[in-house]
Amino acid sequence: MDGEISTEEVQELVETDADVRIVDIRDERSFAHSQIPGSENLPFRELTARINELEGADRIVTVCPHGKASVQAAQLIGSYEGTADARVESMAGGLEEYGMKYGLVRGEDDESAADAESTESPF
């Protein structure tokens, strides 16, 4: 793992369409509810079995609700041989901080949330 990255730096990567894989480690339902634009879902519980999907990436940023579990995910990804050359970072502050500053987009599969107000946490 190459450390943490701020929410501002992640937003800049999103805005400039940088060559980065933003990996959201929440469960599928939470990801479907809201996410950082352009991010992909790789739930933490599936990470070990699916880590090969990240092979060849140059830069990977892991994200989670509060920026704690994403540190563990980044460490795991960084220790994988197939990502040895990648820059692997965890987003400090998590989706809670990012969402407060920049907002999150609704997932394409989240039709029910788009149709009705929900008091559920997106995390």
Protein backbone atom coordinates (compact mmCIF):
# COMPACT_ATOMS: atom_id res chain seq x y z
CA MET A 1 0.00 0.00 0.00
CA ASP A 2 1.25 3.44 -0.91
CA GLY A 3 -0.64 5.39 1.75
CA GLU A 4 -3.82 7.39 1.82
CA ILE A 5 -5.27 9.83 -0.67
CA SER A 6 -7.59 12.71 0.23
CA THR A 7 -11.15 13.08 -0.99
CA GLU A 8 -10.03 16.20 -2.87
CA GLU A 9 -7.39 14.22 -4.73
CA VAL A 10 -9.92 11.50 -5.60
CA GLN A 11 -12.34 14.14 -6.90
CA GLU A 12 -9.56 15.55 -9.08
CA LEU A 13 -8.89 12.06 -10.48
CA VAL A 14 -12.61 11.69 -11.27
CA GLU A 15 -12.86 15.12 -12.89
CA THR A 16 -9.78 14.60 -15.07
CA ASP A 17 -10.81 11.07 -16.05
CA ALA A 18 -7.46 9.81 -14.82
CA ASP A 19 -6.32 6.23 -15.42
CA VAL A 20 -7.30 4.96 -11.97
CA ARG A 21 -9.47 2.14 -10.68
CA ILE A 22 -11.61 3.31 -7.80
CA VAL A 23 -12.59 0.14 -5.95
CA ASP A 24 -15.61 0.42 -3.64
CA ILE A 25 -15.44 -2.45 -1.14
CA ARG A 26 -19.01 -2.13 0.22
CA ASP A 27 -21.63 -4.79 -0.44
CA GLU A 28 -23.52 -4.78 -3.74
CA ARG A 29 -26.68 -3.23 -2.30
CA SER A 30 -24.84 -0.25 -0.79
CA PHE A 31 -22.90 0.26 -4.02
CA ALA A 32 -26.11 0.12 -6.05
CA HIS A 33 -27.57 2.84 -3.83
CA SER A 34 -24.76 5.37 -4.33
CA GLN A 35 -21.16 5.59 -5.41
CA ILE A 36 -18.33 7.75 -6.68
CA PRO A 37 -18.71 8.27 -10.44
CA GLY A 38 -16.69 5.72 -12.39
CA SER A 39 -16.01 3.48 -9.40
CA GLU A 40 -16.38 -0.29 -9.47
CA ASN A 41 -17.72 -2.64 -6.83
CA LEU A 42 -15.49 -5.35 -5.41
CA PRO A 43 -16.98 -6.25 -2.01
CA PHE A 44 -14.41 -6.82 0.72
CA ARG A 45 -15.71 -10.33 1.42
CA GLU A 46 -15.00 -11.25 -2.23
CA LEU A 47 -11.69 -9.43 -2.54
CA THR A 48 -9.40 -12.42 -2.05
CA ALA A 49 -11.28 -14.50 -4.63
CA ARG A 50 -11.52 -11.68 -7.18
CA ILE A 51 -8.24 -9.83 -6.67
CA ASN A 52 -6.95 -11.05 -10.05
CA GLU A 53 -9.48 -8.66 -11.68
CA LEU A 54 -7.14 -5.83 -10.67
CA GLU A 55 -4.06 -7.24 -12.43
CA GLY A 56 -2.33 -4.80 -14.70
CA ALA A 57 -3.83 -1.68 -13.10
CA ASP A 58 -1.44 1.26 -12.77
CA ARG A 59 -3.28 2.97 -9.93
CA ILE A 60 -5.92 1.68 -7.52
CA VAL A 61 -7.83 3.63 -4.88
CA THR A 62 -9.92 1.70 -2.36
CA VAL A 63 -12.98 3.32 -0.78
CA CYS A 64 -15.35 2.38 2.05
CA PRO A 65 -17.84 4.22 4.28
CA HIS A 66 -15.40 5.79 6.76
CA GLY A 67 -11.91 5.12 5.37
CA LYS A 68 -10.96 2.33 7.78
CA ALA A 69 -11.70 -0.97 5.98
CA SER A 70 -10.34 0.48 2.74
CA VAL A 71 -6.89 0.64 4.37
CA GLN A 72 -7.02 -3.12 4.93
CA ALA A 73 -8.25 -3.66 1.37
CA ALA A 74 -5.42 -1.52 -0.02
CA GLN A 75 -2.87 -3.49 2.00
CA LEU A 76 -4.27 -6.77 0.67
CA ILE A 77 -4.31 -5.52 -2.93
CA GLY A 78 -0.81 -4.10 -2.57
CA SER A 79 0.52 -7.46 -1.38
CA TYR A 80 -0.84 -9.30 -4.42
CA GLU A 81 1.80 -10.19 -7.02
CA GLY A 82 -0.42 -9.10 -9.93
CA THR A 83 -0.60 -5.54 -8.58
CA ALA A 84 3.01 -5.25 -7.42
CA ASP A 85 3.71 -2.40 -9.85
CA ALA A 86 0.48 -0.51 -9.13
CA ARG A 87 0.16 2.53 -6.92
CA VAL A 88 -2.40 1.40 -4.29
CA GLU A 89 -4.01 3.95 -1.96
CA SER A 90 -6.93 4.15 0.45
CA MET A 91 -9.23 7.19 0.43
CA ALA A 92 -9.02 8.92 3.81
CA GLY A 93 -12.35 9.99 5.30
CA GLY A 94 -14.28 7.47 3.25
CA LEU A 95 -17.47 7.89 1.29
CA GLU A 96 -19.05 9.81 4.15
CA GLU A 97 -16.57 12.67 3.73
CA TYR A 98 -16.52 12.43 -0.07
CA GLY A 99 -20.33 12.44 -0.25
CA MET A 100 -20.61 15.48 2.01
CA LYS A 101 -18.21 17.45 -0.20
CA TYR A 102 -19.04 16.26 -3.70
CA GLY A 103 -22.13 14.06 -3.56
CA LEU A 104 -22.47 10.51 -4.76
CA VAL A 105 -24.26 9.24 -7.85
CA ARG A 106 -27.05 6.69 -7.71
CA GLY A 107 -26.28 3.29 -9.09
CA GLU A 108 -27.87 2.23 -12.37
CA ASP A 109 -29.53 -0.73 -10.64
CA ASP A 110 -31.11 1.34 -7.87
CA GLU A 111 -34.53 1.97 -9.41
CA SER A 112 -36.45 1.73 -6.14
CA ALA A 113 -34.41 4.47 -4.49
CA ALA A 114 -34.90 6.74 -7.47
CA ASP A 115 -38.68 6.32 -7.23
CA ALA A 116 -39.12 6.70 -3.47
CA GLU A 117 -37.48 8.64 -0.69
CA SER A 118 -35.42 6.52 1.62
CA THR A 119 -34.01 7.21 5.05
CA GLU A 120 -31.53 4.35 4.69
CA SER A 121 -27.88 5.14 4.96
CA PRO A 122 -26.03 4.68 1.66
CA PHE A 123 -23.19 3.11 3.64
